């Protein structure tokens, strides 16, 4: 039995799956494609019409309850009250756009909806990640999240909910939030914002190294 995450293995074995013929093979990441020096930040922002003078927080994931993007939008509404003109937010993933009534309604409830870019499906994730300063994974449920690993490999500071194998992937290096909890996610984001930029960069480098050393495609290929 092959699992993608230790958390998945634990859940299945708790339901009675055999524990003997099993192995966990985590997702592997293309560290040649996703890397800190892959693309210039300013050129990436220019292509996406993202302001060059803002701190940019981004999420990558489809519009689905498991991904918690509705929670993220509710948190943004509060954060924008305190950081009015300082932060720009980016969402990329299927149905993260104005055509999605649920997304659009929550976006418009934010004090500055014009500071929330909804890209929908993105065909160049490395370029998108190059434009960000902080990556956020607000999921209610995950196994071994690809989007988070790609952000780490790209040298981004990350925030994530404590679900699935997130702690194993990130090595307890980041700010965690409880799943499906707006206050907890808001606290984690504000904690990250209050960290000195040099500290965020140092942690981002550690996250990058962790992916390279433990979760590259070369390391996870049998």
N, C-alpha and C. Protein backbone atom coordinates (compact mmCIF):
# COMPACT_ATOMS: atom_id res chain seq x y z
N UNK A 1 0.86 -1.18 0.00
CA UNK A 1 0.00 0.00 0.00
C UNK A 1 0.90 1.23 0.00
N UNK A 2 0.73 2.09 -0.99
CA UNK A 2 1.57 3.28 -1.11
C UNK A 2 0.74 4.51 -0.73
N UNK A 3 1.26 5.29 0.21
CA UNK A 3 0.61 6.52 0.65
C UNK A 3 1.47 7.72 0.26
N UNK A 4 0.82 8.87 0.06
CA UNK A 4 1.55 10.09 -0.25
C UNK A 4 1.91 10.86 1.01
N UNK A 5 1.30 10.51 2.15
CA UNK A 5 1.53 11.26 3.38
C UNK A 5 1.43 10.34 4.59
N UNK A 6 2.20 10.66 5.61
CA UNK A 6 2.13 9.91 6.87
C UNK A 6 0.74 10.03 7.47
N UNK A 7 0.12 11.20 7.34
CA UNK A 7 -1.22 11.40 7.88
C UNK A 7 -2.24 10.50 7.18
N UNK A 8 -2.08 10.31 5.87
CA UNK A 8 -2.98 9.42 5.14
C UNK A 8 -2.81 7.97 5.61
N UNK A 9 -1.57 7.58 5.82
CA UNK A 9 -1.28 6.22 6.31
C UNK A 9 -1.94 6.01 7.67
N UNK A 10 -1.81 6.98 8.56
CA UNK A 10 -2.38 6.85 9.90
C UNK A 10 -3.90 6.73 9.85
N UNK A 11 -4.54 7.54 8.99
CA UNK A 11 -6.00 7.50 8.89
C UNK A 11 -6.46 6.14 8.39
N UNK A 12 -5.83 5.64 7.34
CA UNK A 12 -6.26 4.36 6.76
C UNK A 12 -6.01 3.21 7.72
N UNK A 13 -4.88 3.25 8.41
CA UNK A 13 -4.59 2.15 9.35
C UNK A 13 -5.54 2.19 10.54
N UNK A 14 -6.02 3.39 10.92
CA UNK A 14 -7.00 3.48 12.00
C UNK A 14 -8.34 2.87 11.59
N UNK A 15 -8.56 2.79 10.27
CA UNK A 15 -9.79 2.19 9.74
C UNK A 15 -9.65 0.69 9.49
N UNK A 16 -8.44 0.15 9.76
CA UNK A 16 -8.26 -1.28 9.64
C UNK A 16 -7.37 -1.74 8.51
N UNK A 17 -6.78 -0.82 7.75
CA UNK A 17 -5.87 -1.23 6.69
C UNK A 17 -4.65 -1.95 7.27
N UNK A 18 -4.14 -2.90 6.53
CA UNK A 18 -2.96 -3.66 6.95
C UNK A 18 -1.76 -2.73 7.13
N UNK A 19 -1.02 -2.91 8.20
CA UNK A 19 0.13 -2.04 8.47
C UNK A 19 1.43 -2.56 7.89
N UNK A 20 1.44 -3.83 7.47
CA UNK A 20 2.72 -4.44 7.05
C UNK A 20 3.17 -4.00 5.65
N UNK A 21 2.37 -4.28 4.59
CA UNK A 21 2.86 -3.96 3.23
C UNK A 21 2.56 -2.50 2.86
N UNK A 22 3.16 -1.55 3.58
CA UNK A 22 2.85 -0.15 3.32
C UNK A 22 4.11 0.69 3.30
N UNK A 23 4.06 1.76 2.51
CA UNK A 23 5.19 2.69 2.42
C UNK A 23 4.65 4.08 2.11
N UNK A 24 5.32 5.11 2.64
CA UNK A 24 4.96 6.49 2.34
C UNK A 24 5.98 7.06 1.37
N UNK A 25 5.50 7.54 0.22
CA UNK A 25 6.36 8.21 -0.75
C UNK A 25 5.81 9.63 -0.93
N UNK A 26 6.43 10.62 -0.30
CA UNK A 26 5.89 11.98 -0.38
C UNK A 26 6.02 12.56 -1.79
N UNK A 27 5.24 13.58 -2.06
CA UNK A 27 5.36 14.28 -3.34
C UNK A 27 6.78 14.81 -3.50
N UNK A 28 7.28 14.74 -4.72
CA UNK A 28 8.58 15.32 -5.04
C UNK A 28 8.40 16.62 -5.82
N UNK A 29 9.34 17.54 -5.65
CA UNK A 29 9.22 18.86 -6.27
C UNK A 29 10.36 19.12 -7.23
N UNK A 30 10.03 19.75 -8.34
CA UNK A 30 11.01 20.08 -9.37
C UNK A 30 11.78 21.32 -8.91
N UNK A 31 12.91 21.11 -8.27
CA UNK A 31 13.66 22.23 -7.70
C UNK A 31 14.45 23.00 -8.76
N UNK A 32 14.47 22.49 -9.98
CA UNK A 32 15.06 23.26 -11.09
C UNK A 32 14.06 24.27 -11.63
N UNK A 33 12.77 23.92 -11.55
CA UNK A 33 11.71 24.81 -12.03
C UNK A 33 11.28 25.80 -10.94
N UNK A 34 11.11 25.28 -9.72
CA UNK A 34 10.72 26.12 -8.59
C UNK A 34 11.96 26.43 -7.76
N UNK A 35 12.46 27.65 -7.89
CA UNK A 35 13.67 28.04 -7.17
C UNK A 35 13.67 29.55 -6.96
N UNK A 36 14.38 30.00 -5.93
CA UNK A 36 14.33 31.43 -5.59
C UNK A 36 14.82 32.35 -6.70
N UNK A 37 15.77 31.90 -7.48
CA UNK A 37 16.33 32.75 -8.52
C UNK A 37 15.74 32.45 -9.89
N UNK A 38 14.57 31.78 -9.89
CA UNK A 38 13.99 31.37 -11.16
C UNK A 38 13.54 32.54 -12.03
N UNK A 39 12.93 33.54 -11.42
CA UNK A 39 12.44 34.68 -12.17
C UNK A 39 12.61 35.95 -11.34
N UNK A 40 12.73 37.08 -12.02
CA UNK A 40 12.85 38.35 -11.34
C UNK A 40 11.50 38.77 -10.76
N UNK A 41 11.48 39.17 -9.47
CA UNK A 41 10.24 39.53 -8.80
C UNK A 41 9.52 40.69 -9.50
N UNK A 42 10.24 41.71 -9.85
CA UNK A 42 9.59 42.89 -10.42
C UNK A 42 8.99 42.60 -11.80
N UNK A 43 9.70 41.80 -12.60
CA UNK A 43 9.15 41.48 -13.92
C UNK A 43 7.93 40.58 -13.78
N UNK A 44 7.96 39.68 -12.78
CA UNK A 44 6.79 38.83 -12.53
C UNK A 44 5.58 39.66 -12.12
N UNK A 45 5.81 40.67 -11.30
CA UNK A 45 4.70 41.53 -10.87
C UNK A 45 4.19 42.37 -12.03
N UNK A 46 5.09 42.83 -12.86
CA UNK A 46 4.68 43.66 -13.99
C UNK A 46 3.76 42.89 -14.93
N UNK A 47 4.09 41.62 -15.19
CA UNK A 47 3.26 40.81 -16.08
C UNK A 47 1.87 40.57 -15.52
N UNK A 48 1.76 40.56 -14.18
CA UNK A 48 0.48 40.29 -13.54
C UNK A 48 -0.22 41.57 -13.08
N UNK A 49 0.39 42.72 -13.39
CA UNK A 49 -0.16 44.02 -12.96
C UNK A 49 -0.30 44.11 -11.45
N UNK A 50 0.68 43.57 -10.75
CA UNK A 50 0.71 43.64 -9.29
C UNK A 50 1.59 44.82 -8.88
N UNK A 51 1.13 45.66 -7.97
CA UNK A 51 1.95 46.82 -7.56
C UNK A 51 3.33 46.40 -7.08
N UNK A 52 4.32 47.17 -7.45
CA UNK A 52 5.70 46.83 -7.07
C UNK A 52 6.03 47.27 -5.65
N UNK A 53 5.21 48.16 -5.08
CA UNK A 53 5.54 48.73 -3.77
C UNK A 53 4.73 48.13 -2.63
N UNK A 54 4.04 47.03 -2.87
CA UNK A 54 3.23 46.39 -1.83
C UNK A 54 3.86 45.08 -1.38
N UNK A 55 3.59 44.70 -0.14
CA UNK A 55 3.89 43.35 0.29
C UNK A 55 2.78 42.46 -0.26
N UNK A 56 3.13 41.37 -0.91
CA UNK A 56 2.14 40.54 -1.61
C UNK A 56 2.03 39.17 -0.96
N UNK A 57 0.81 38.81 -0.58
CA UNK A 57 0.51 37.50 -0.02
C UNK A 57 -0.35 36.74 -1.03
N UNK A 58 0.01 35.50 -1.31
CA UNK A 58 -0.72 34.75 -2.32
C UNK A 58 -1.15 33.37 -1.87
N UNK A 59 -2.24 32.89 -2.49
CA UNK A 59 -2.75 31.53 -2.29
C UNK A 59 -2.89 30.87 -3.65
N UNK A 60 -2.54 29.59 -3.72
CA UNK A 60 -2.72 28.82 -4.95
C UNK A 60 -3.55 27.59 -4.62
N UNK A 61 -4.73 27.49 -5.24
CA UNK A 61 -5.59 26.34 -4.99
C UNK A 61 -6.95 26.56 -5.61
N UNK A 62 -7.62 25.50 -5.94
CA UNK A 62 -8.95 25.60 -6.55
C UNK A 62 -9.97 26.02 -5.49
N UNK A 63 -11.08 26.58 -5.95
CA UNK A 63 -12.16 26.97 -5.04
C UNK A 63 -12.89 25.71 -4.60
N UNK A 64 -12.64 25.29 -3.39
CA UNK A 64 -13.23 24.06 -2.84
C UNK A 64 -13.19 24.19 -1.32
N UNK A 65 -14.19 23.69 -0.60
CA UNK A 65 -14.18 23.82 0.86
C UNK A 65 -12.89 23.34 1.51
N UNK A 66 -12.30 22.25 0.99
CA UNK A 66 -11.06 21.73 1.59
C UNK A 66 -9.94 22.77 1.58
N UNK A 67 -9.93 23.65 0.59
CA UNK A 67 -8.82 24.58 0.42
C UNK A 67 -8.92 25.81 1.32
N UNK A 68 -10.08 26.05 1.91
CA UNK A 68 -10.21 27.12 2.90
C UNK A 68 -10.04 28.53 2.36
N UNK A 69 -10.23 28.73 1.07
CA UNK A 69 -10.05 30.07 0.50
C UNK A 69 -11.13 31.03 0.97
N UNK A 70 -12.29 30.51 1.31
CA UNK A 70 -13.34 31.35 1.89
C UNK A 70 -12.90 31.88 3.26
N UNK A 71 -12.22 31.04 4.03
CA UNK A 71 -11.67 31.48 5.32
C UNK A 71 -10.64 32.59 5.09
N UNK A 72 -9.79 32.40 4.10
CA UNK A 72 -8.76 33.39 3.80
C UNK A 72 -9.39 34.74 3.45
N UNK A 73 -10.44 34.74 2.65
CA UNK A 73 -11.08 35.99 2.27
C UNK A 73 -11.72 36.68 3.48
N UNK A 74 -12.30 35.91 4.39
CA UNK A 74 -12.85 36.50 5.60
C UNK A 74 -11.75 37.14 6.45
N UNK A 75 -10.60 36.49 6.51
CA UNK A 75 -9.47 37.03 7.27
C UNK A 75 -8.94 38.30 6.61
N UNK A 76 -8.89 38.31 5.28
CA UNK A 76 -8.40 39.49 4.56
C UNK A 76 -9.26 40.71 4.90
N UNK A 77 -10.57 40.50 5.04
CA UNK A 77 -11.45 41.61 5.38
C UNK A 77 -11.01 42.28 6.68
N UNK A 78 -10.57 41.49 7.65
CA UNK A 78 -10.09 42.05 8.92
C UNK A 78 -8.71 42.65 8.78
N UNK A 79 -7.83 41.97 8.07
CA UNK A 79 -6.46 42.45 7.94
C UNK A 79 -6.40 43.78 7.19
N UNK A 80 -7.27 43.93 6.20
CA UNK A 80 -7.26 45.19 5.45
C UNK A 80 -7.66 46.38 6.31
N UNK A 81 -8.39 46.15 7.38
CA UNK A 81 -8.75 47.24 8.28
C UNK A 81 -7.51 47.79 8.99
N UNK A 82 -6.55 46.89 9.27
CA UNK A 82 -5.35 47.29 10.01
C UNK A 82 -4.19 47.67 9.09
N UNK A 83 -4.16 47.06 7.89
CA UNK A 83 -3.05 47.30 6.96
C UNK A 83 -3.61 47.82 5.64
N UNK A 84 -4.32 48.92 5.72
CA UNK A 84 -5.15 49.41 4.62
C UNK A 84 -4.47 49.40 3.26
N UNK A 85 -3.34 50.09 3.12
CA UNK A 85 -2.72 50.24 1.81
C UNK A 85 -1.40 49.50 1.68
N UNK A 86 -1.13 48.61 2.61
CA UNK A 86 0.19 47.99 2.67
C UNK A 86 0.30 46.65 1.96
N UNK A 87 -0.81 45.93 1.85
CA UNK A 87 -0.74 44.53 1.41
C UNK A 87 -1.63 44.30 0.20
N UNK A 88 -1.12 43.52 -0.73
CA UNK A 88 -1.85 43.11 -1.92
C UNK A 88 -1.99 41.59 -1.85
N UNK A 89 -3.17 41.08 -2.20
CA UNK A 89 -3.44 39.65 -2.10
C UNK A 89 -3.70 39.07 -3.50
N UNK A 90 -3.22 37.84 -3.71
CA UNK A 90 -3.38 37.17 -5.00
C UNK A 90 -3.95 35.78 -4.78
N UNK A 91 -4.97 35.43 -5.56
CA UNK A 91 -5.54 34.08 -5.57
C UNK A 91 -5.39 33.50 -6.97
N UNK A 92 -4.90 32.28 -7.04
CA UNK A 92 -4.80 31.59 -8.33
C UNK A 92 -5.32 30.17 -8.16
N UNK A 93 -6.20 29.76 -9.06
CA UNK A 93 -6.75 28.43 -9.00
C UNK A 93 -8.13 28.41 -9.65
N UNK A 94 -8.58 27.23 -9.99
CA UNK A 94 -9.86 27.11 -10.66
C UNK A 94 -10.99 27.76 -9.86
N UNK A 95 -11.77 28.59 -10.52
CA UNK A 95 -12.93 29.29 -9.96
C UNK A 95 -12.56 30.39 -8.95
N UNK A 96 -11.30 30.76 -8.89
CA UNK A 96 -10.93 31.94 -8.10
C UNK A 96 -11.00 33.16 -9.02
N UNK A 97 -12.22 33.58 -9.30
CA UNK A 97 -12.43 34.70 -10.22
C UNK A 97 -13.81 35.31 -9.99
N UNK A 98 -14.07 36.41 -10.67
CA UNK A 98 -15.31 37.15 -10.49
C UNK A 98 -16.53 36.37 -10.98
N UNK A 99 -16.33 35.38 -11.86
CA UNK A 99 -17.44 34.58 -12.35
C UNK A 99 -17.99 33.65 -11.27
N UNK A 100 -17.18 33.39 -10.25
CA UNK A 100 -17.61 32.57 -9.12
C UNK A 100 -18.31 33.47 -8.11
N UNK A 101 -19.62 33.35 -8.00
CA UNK A 101 -20.41 34.24 -7.15
C UNK A 101 -19.96 34.19 -5.70
N UNK A 102 -19.63 32.99 -5.20
CA UNK A 102 -19.21 32.86 -3.80
C UNK A 102 -17.90 33.61 -3.56
N UNK A 103 -16.95 33.44 -4.47
CA UNK A 103 -15.68 34.15 -4.33
C UNK A 103 -15.90 35.66 -4.42
N UNK A 104 -16.63 36.08 -5.44
CA UNK A 104 -16.83 37.51 -5.69
C UNK A 104 -17.53 38.19 -4.51
N UNK A 105 -18.52 37.51 -3.93
CA UNK A 105 -19.26 38.10 -2.81
C UNK A 105 -18.34 38.35 -1.63
N UNK A 106 -17.49 37.37 -1.30
CA UNK A 106 -16.56 37.54 -0.18
C UNK A 106 -15.50 38.59 -0.50
N UNK A 107 -15.07 38.61 -1.74
CA UNK A 107 -14.08 39.62 -2.15
C UNK A 107 -14.64 41.03 -1.97
N UNK A 108 -15.88 41.23 -2.38
CA UNK A 108 -16.49 42.56 -2.32
C UNK A 108 -16.80 43.01 -0.89
N UNK A 109 -16.84 42.07 0.05
CA UNK A 109 -17.04 42.43 1.45
C UNK A 109 -15.77 42.98 2.10
N UNK A 110 -14.64 42.82 1.43
CA UNK A 110 -13.38 43.33 1.96
C UNK A 110 -13.31 44.84 1.74
N UNK A 111 -12.66 45.56 2.66
CA UNK A 111 -12.59 47.03 2.53
C UNK A 111 -11.95 47.49 1.23
N UNK A 112 -10.96 46.74 0.74
CA UNK A 112 -10.29 47.12 -0.51
C UNK A 112 -10.27 45.92 -1.47
N UNK A 113 -11.40 45.61 -2.08
CA UNK A 113 -11.44 44.47 -3.00
C UNK A 113 -10.50 44.66 -4.19
N UNK A 114 -10.17 45.92 -4.52
CA UNK A 114 -9.26 46.17 -5.64
C UNK A 114 -7.84 45.73 -5.32
N UNK A 115 -7.55 45.45 -4.07
CA UNK A 115 -6.23 44.94 -3.67
C UNK A 115 -6.21 43.42 -3.59
N UNK A 116 -7.22 42.79 -4.17
CA UNK A 116 -7.29 41.33 -4.22
C UNK A 116 -7.37 40.92 -5.68
N UNK A 117 -6.31 40.31 -6.18
CA UNK A 117 -6.26 39.88 -7.58
C UNK A 117 -6.69 38.43 -7.67
N UNK A 118 -7.72 38.16 -8.46
CA UNK A 118 -8.23 36.81 -8.67
C UNK A 118 -7.90 36.36 -10.09
N UNK A 119 -6.95 35.45 -10.22
CA UNK A 119 -6.42 35.07 -11.52
C UNK A 119 -7.12 33.88 -12.15
N UNK A 120 -7.90 33.12 -11.37
CA UNK A 120 -8.43 31.88 -11.91
C UNK A 120 -7.29 30.88 -12.10
N UNK A 121 -7.49 29.93 -13.02
CA UNK A 121 -6.44 28.94 -13.26
C UNK A 121 -5.20 29.62 -13.84
N UNK A 122 -4.05 29.22 -13.34
CA UNK A 122 -2.78 29.86 -13.73
C UNK A 122 -1.91 28.83 -14.44
N UNK A 123 -1.42 29.19 -15.63
CA UNK A 123 -0.61 28.24 -16.40
C UNK A 123 0.89 28.47 -16.22
N UNK A 124 1.27 29.39 -15.33
CA UNK A 124 2.68 29.62 -15.06
C UNK A 124 2.87 29.89 -13.56
N UNK A 125 2.79 28.83 -12.77
CA UNK A 125 2.87 28.97 -11.32
C UNK A 125 4.24 29.48 -10.86
N UNK A 126 5.36 29.02 -11.45
CA UNK A 126 6.65 29.58 -11.03
C UNK A 126 6.71 31.10 -11.17
N UNK A 127 6.19 31.63 -12.26
CA UNK A 127 6.17 33.08 -12.45
C UNK A 127 5.29 33.75 -11.40
N UNK A 128 4.13 33.16 -11.12
CA UNK A 128 3.25 33.70 -10.11
C UNK A 128 3.95 33.75 -8.75
N UNK A 129 4.57 32.65 -8.36
CA UNK A 129 5.23 32.59 -7.05
C UNK A 129 6.37 33.60 -6.95
N UNK A 130 7.02 33.86 -8.07
CA UNK A 130 8.12 34.82 -8.06
C UNK A 130 7.65 36.22 -7.70
N UNK A 131 6.35 36.49 -7.89
CA UNK A 131 5.81 37.82 -7.62
C UNK A 131 5.38 38.00 -6.18
N UNK A 132 5.39 36.92 -5.38
CA UNK A 132 4.89 36.98 -4.02
C UNK A 132 6.01 37.25 -3.02
N UNK A 133 5.61 37.72 -1.85
CA UNK A 133 6.50 37.81 -0.70
C UNK A 133 6.21 36.71 0.32
N UNK A 134 4.93 36.40 0.49
CA UNK A 134 4.50 35.39 1.47
C UNK A 134 3.46 34.50 0.80
N UNK A 135 3.57 33.20 1.06
CA UNK A 135 2.59 32.24 0.56
C UNK A 135 1.74 31.77 1.73
N UNK A 136 0.44 31.63 1.51
CA UNK A 136 -0.47 31.17 2.56
C UNK A 136 -1.27 29.96 2.09
N UNK A 137 -1.28 28.92 2.89
CA UNK A 137 -2.09 27.73 2.65
C UNK A 137 -3.16 27.67 3.75
N UNK A 138 -4.40 28.09 3.45
CA UNK A 138 -5.44 28.15 4.49
C UNK A 138 -6.34 26.92 4.54
N UNK A 139 -5.85 25.78 4.11
CA UNK A 139 -6.69 24.60 3.88
C UNK A 139 -7.34 24.06 5.15
N UNK A 140 -8.54 23.52 4.96
CA UNK A 140 -9.20 22.76 6.02
C UNK A 140 -8.69 21.33 6.06
N UNK A 141 -8.22 20.84 4.91
CA UNK A 141 -7.77 19.46 4.82
C UNK A 141 -6.70 19.35 3.73
N UNK A 142 -5.66 18.57 4.00
CA UNK A 142 -4.62 18.29 3.02
C UNK A 142 -4.01 16.92 3.35
N UNK A 143 -3.29 16.38 2.39
CA UNK A 143 -2.45 15.22 2.65
C UNK A 143 -1.00 15.72 2.69
N UNK A 144 -0.39 15.84 1.51
CA UNK A 144 0.97 16.38 1.39
C UNK A 144 0.91 17.46 0.32
N UNK A 145 0.68 18.71 0.70
CA UNK A 145 0.27 19.76 -0.25
C UNK A 145 1.36 20.18 -1.24
N UNK A 146 1.06 20.00 -2.51
CA UNK A 146 1.98 20.40 -3.57
C UNK A 146 2.22 21.90 -3.60
N UNK A 147 1.15 22.68 -3.46
CA UNK A 147 1.29 24.13 -3.56
C UNK A 147 2.23 24.68 -2.51
N UNK A 148 2.17 24.15 -1.31
CA UNK A 148 3.05 24.61 -0.23
C UNK A 148 4.50 24.23 -0.52
N UNK A 149 4.73 23.02 -0.99
CA UNK A 149 6.09 22.61 -1.32
C UNK A 149 6.69 23.42 -2.44
N UNK A 150 5.88 23.76 -3.44
CA UNK A 150 6.37 24.58 -4.55
C UNK A 150 6.74 25.99 -4.07
N UNK A 151 5.93 26.52 -3.15
CA UNK A 151 6.24 27.84 -2.59
C UNK A 151 7.53 27.81 -1.78
N UNK A 152 7.71 26.75 -1.00
CA UNK A 152 8.95 26.59 -0.23
C UNK A 152 10.15 26.50 -1.17
N UNK A 153 10.02 25.68 -2.21
CA UNK A 153 11.12 25.52 -3.16
C UNK A 153 11.46 26.84 -3.84
N UNK A 154 10.44 27.70 -3.98
CA UNK A 154 10.64 29.00 -4.63
C UNK A 154 11.22 30.05 -3.69
N UNK A 155 11.48 29.65 -2.46
CA UNK A 155 12.13 30.56 -1.52
C UNK A 155 11.19 31.57 -0.90
N UNK A 156 9.93 31.17 -0.67
CA UNK A 156 8.96 32.07 -0.07
C UNK A 156 8.76 31.76 1.41
N UNK A 157 8.54 32.81 2.19
CA UNK A 157 8.09 32.61 3.56
C UNK A 157 6.66 32.08 3.49
N UNK A 158 6.32 31.14 4.35
CA UNK A 158 5.02 30.48 4.25
C UNK A 158 4.25 30.51 5.56
N UNK A 159 2.94 30.54 5.43
CA UNK A 159 1.99 30.39 6.52
C UNK A 159 1.07 29.25 6.11
N UNK A 160 0.67 28.41 7.07
CA UNK A 160 -0.19 27.28 6.70
C UNK A 160 -1.00 26.82 7.89
N UNK A 161 -2.14 26.21 7.59
CA UNK A 161 -2.90 25.54 8.63
C UNK A 161 -2.22 24.21 8.96
N UNK A 162 -2.41 23.77 10.18
CA UNK A 162 -1.76 22.56 10.67
C UNK A 162 -2.62 21.35 10.31
N UNK A 163 -2.51 20.94 9.05
CA UNK A 163 -3.31 19.83 8.53
C UNK A 163 -2.39 18.84 7.80
N UNK A 164 -2.85 17.59 7.72
CA UNK A 164 -2.09 16.58 6.99
C UNK A 164 -0.63 16.53 7.40
N UNK A 165 0.25 16.50 6.40
CA UNK A 165 1.69 16.44 6.65
C UNK A 165 2.36 17.80 6.55
N UNK A 166 1.62 18.87 6.80
CA UNK A 166 2.18 20.22 6.69
C UNK A 166 3.37 20.40 7.63
N UNK A 167 3.26 19.95 8.87
CA UNK A 167 4.38 20.12 9.80
C UNK A 167 5.60 19.30 9.37
N UNK A 168 5.36 18.11 8.86
CA UNK A 168 6.47 17.29 8.37
C UNK A 168 7.14 17.97 7.18
N UNK A 169 6.35 18.51 6.28
CA UNK A 169 6.91 19.19 5.11
C UNK A 169 7.70 20.43 5.51
N UNK A 170 7.16 21.21 6.42
CA UNK A 170 7.78 22.49 6.76
C UNK A 170 8.76 22.42 7.93
N UNK A 171 8.76 21.32 8.66
CA UNK A 171 9.74 21.16 9.72
C UNK A 171 9.59 22.11 10.89
N UNK A 172 8.35 22.48 11.21
CA UNK A 172 8.08 23.40 12.33
C UNK A 172 8.80 24.74 12.18
N UNK A 173 9.01 25.18 10.95
CA UNK A 173 9.73 26.43 10.71
C UNK A 173 8.81 27.64 10.56
N UNK A 174 7.51 27.41 10.38
CA UNK A 174 6.63 28.51 9.96
C UNK A 174 5.57 28.82 11.02
N UNK A 175 4.72 29.79 10.71
CA UNK A 175 3.59 30.13 11.57
C UNK A 175 2.39 29.29 11.14
N UNK A 176 1.83 28.53 12.09
CA UNK A 176 0.72 27.64 11.79
C UNK A 176 -0.59 28.21 12.33
N UNK A 177 -1.68 27.83 11.66
CA UNK A 177 -3.01 28.20 12.11
C UNK A 177 -3.84 26.94 12.25
N UNK A 178 -4.87 27.01 13.06
CA UNK A 178 -5.82 25.91 13.16
C UNK A 178 -6.70 25.91 11.92
N UNK A 179 -7.07 24.75 11.41
CA UNK A 179 -7.94 24.72 10.23
C UNK A 179 -9.34 25.21 10.56
N UNK A 180 -9.97 25.87 9.57
CA UNK A 180 -11.35 26.33 9.69
C UNK A 180 -11.52 27.28 10.87
N UNK A 181 -10.53 28.14 11.09
CA UNK A 181 -10.55 29.05 12.24
C UNK A 181 -10.02 30.41 11.79
N UNK A 182 -10.93 31.36 11.58
CA UNK A 182 -10.52 32.66 11.06
C UNK A 182 -9.59 33.39 12.01
N UNK A 183 -9.87 33.34 13.30
CA UNK A 183 -9.04 34.07 14.26
C UNK A 183 -7.62 33.51 14.30
N UNK A 184 -7.50 32.20 14.25
CA UNK A 184 -6.18 31.57 14.27
C UNK A 184 -5.38 31.92 13.02
N UNK A 185 -6.03 31.91 11.87
CA UNK A 185 -5.34 32.25 10.63
C UNK A 185 -4.95 33.73 10.63
N UNK A 186 -5.83 34.58 11.10
CA UNK A 186 -5.51 36.01 11.20
C UNK A 186 -4.30 36.22 12.09
N UNK A 187 -4.25 35.54 13.22
CA UNK A 187 -3.12 35.67 14.14
C UNK A 187 -1.83 35.22 13.48
N UNK A 188 -1.87 34.10 12.75
CA UNK A 188 -0.67 33.59 12.08
C UNK A 188 -0.17 34.58 11.04
N UNK A 189 -1.08 35.17 10.27
CA UNK A 189 -0.68 36.12 9.24
C UNK A 189 -0.09 37.38 9.86
N UNK A 190 -0.74 37.90 10.90
CA UNK A 190 -0.23 39.11 11.54
C UNK A 190 1.12 38.84 12.20
N UNK A 191 1.29 37.66 12.78
CA UNK A 191 2.60 37.29 13.34
C UNK A 191 3.67 37.33 12.27
N UNK A 192 3.34 36.81 11.09
CA UNK A 192 4.30 36.83 9.98
C UNK A 192 4.60 38.26 9.54
N UNK A 193 3.57 39.08 9.47
CA UNK A 193 3.76 40.46 9.04
C UNK A 193 4.63 41.25 10.02
N UNK A 194 4.56 40.90 11.27
CA UNK A 194 5.33 41.61 12.29
C UNK A 194 6.77 41.13 12.40
N UNK A 195 7.08 40.00 11.78
CA UNK A 195 8.47 39.54 11.76
C UNK A 195 9.31 40.51 10.93
N UNK A 196 10.53 40.79 11.34
CA UNK A 196 11.41 41.59 10.49
C UNK A 196 11.62 40.91 9.14
N UNK A 197 11.74 41.70 8.09
CA UNK A 197 11.91 41.13 6.75
C UNK A 197 13.10 40.20 6.69
N UNK A 198 14.19 40.56 7.35
CA UNK A 198 15.39 39.72 7.34
C UNK A 198 15.11 38.35 7.96
N UNK A 199 14.28 38.33 9.00
CA UNK A 199 13.92 37.06 9.63
C UNK A 199 13.08 36.21 8.70
N UNK A 200 12.12 36.84 8.01
CA UNK A 200 11.30 36.09 7.05
C UNK A 200 12.17 35.50 5.95
N UNK A 201 13.14 36.28 5.47
CA UNK A 201 14.01 35.78 4.41
C UNK A 201 14.87 34.62 4.89
N UNK A 202 15.33 34.69 6.12
CA UNK A 202 16.14 33.60 6.67
C UNK A 202 15.33 32.31 6.78
N UNK A 203 14.09 32.42 7.25
CA UNK A 203 13.23 31.24 7.35
C UNK A 203 12.88 30.72 5.96
N UNK A 204 12.63 31.63 5.02
CA UNK A 204 12.33 31.22 3.65
C UNK A 204 13.48 30.41 3.05
N UNK A 205 14.70 30.82 3.33
CA UNK A 205 15.87 30.08 2.84
C UNK A 205 15.92 28.69 3.47
N UNK A 206 15.59 28.59 4.75
CA UNK A 206 15.57 27.29 5.41
C UNK A 206 14.50 26.38 4.80
N UNK A 207 13.35 26.96 4.46
CA UNK A 207 12.29 26.17 3.81
C UNK A 207 12.75 25.68 2.44
N UNK A 208 13.41 26.56 1.70
CA UNK A 208 13.95 26.19 0.39
C UNK A 208 14.93 25.03 0.52
N UNK A 209 15.83 25.13 1.48
CA UNK A 209 16.82 24.08 1.68
C UNK A 209 16.16 22.76 2.09
N UNK A 210 15.11 22.85 2.89
CA UNK A 210 14.43 21.63 3.34
C UNK A 210 13.83 20.86 2.16
N UNK A 211 13.20 21.60 1.24
CA UNK A 211 12.66 20.93 0.06
C UNK A 211 13.79 20.31 -0.77
N UNK A 212 14.85 21.06 -0.98
CA UNK A 212 15.98 20.55 -1.77
C UNK A 212 16.57 19.28 -1.17
N UNK A 213 16.70 19.27 0.14
CA UNK A 213 17.39 18.16 0.79
C UNK A 213 16.51 16.94 1.02
N UNK A 214 15.19 17.14 1.17
CA UNK A 214 14.32 16.03 1.55
C UNK A 214 13.24 15.68 0.53
N UNK A 215 12.80 16.66 -0.26
CA UNK A 215 11.60 16.44 -1.06
C UNK A 215 11.76 16.80 -2.53
N UNK A 216 12.98 16.86 -3.03
CA UNK A 216 13.16 17.07 -4.46
C UNK A 216 12.73 15.80 -5.21
N UNK A 217 12.50 15.94 -6.51
CA UNK A 217 12.12 14.75 -7.30
C UNK A 217 13.21 13.69 -7.22
N UNK A 218 14.46 14.12 -7.14
CA UNK A 218 15.56 13.18 -7.08
C UNK A 218 15.52 12.40 -5.77
N UNK A 219 15.11 13.05 -4.67
CA UNK A 219 15.09 12.39 -3.37
C UNK A 219 13.90 11.45 -3.21
N UNK A 220 12.81 11.73 -3.89
CA UNK A 220 11.59 10.95 -3.68
C UNK A 220 11.35 9.93 -4.77
N UNK A 221 12.24 9.83 -5.73
CA UNK A 221 12.09 8.83 -6.80
C UNK A 221 12.78 7.55 -6.39
N UNK A 222 12.05 6.46 -6.48
CA UNK A 222 12.63 5.15 -6.12
C UNK A 222 13.60 4.66 -7.18
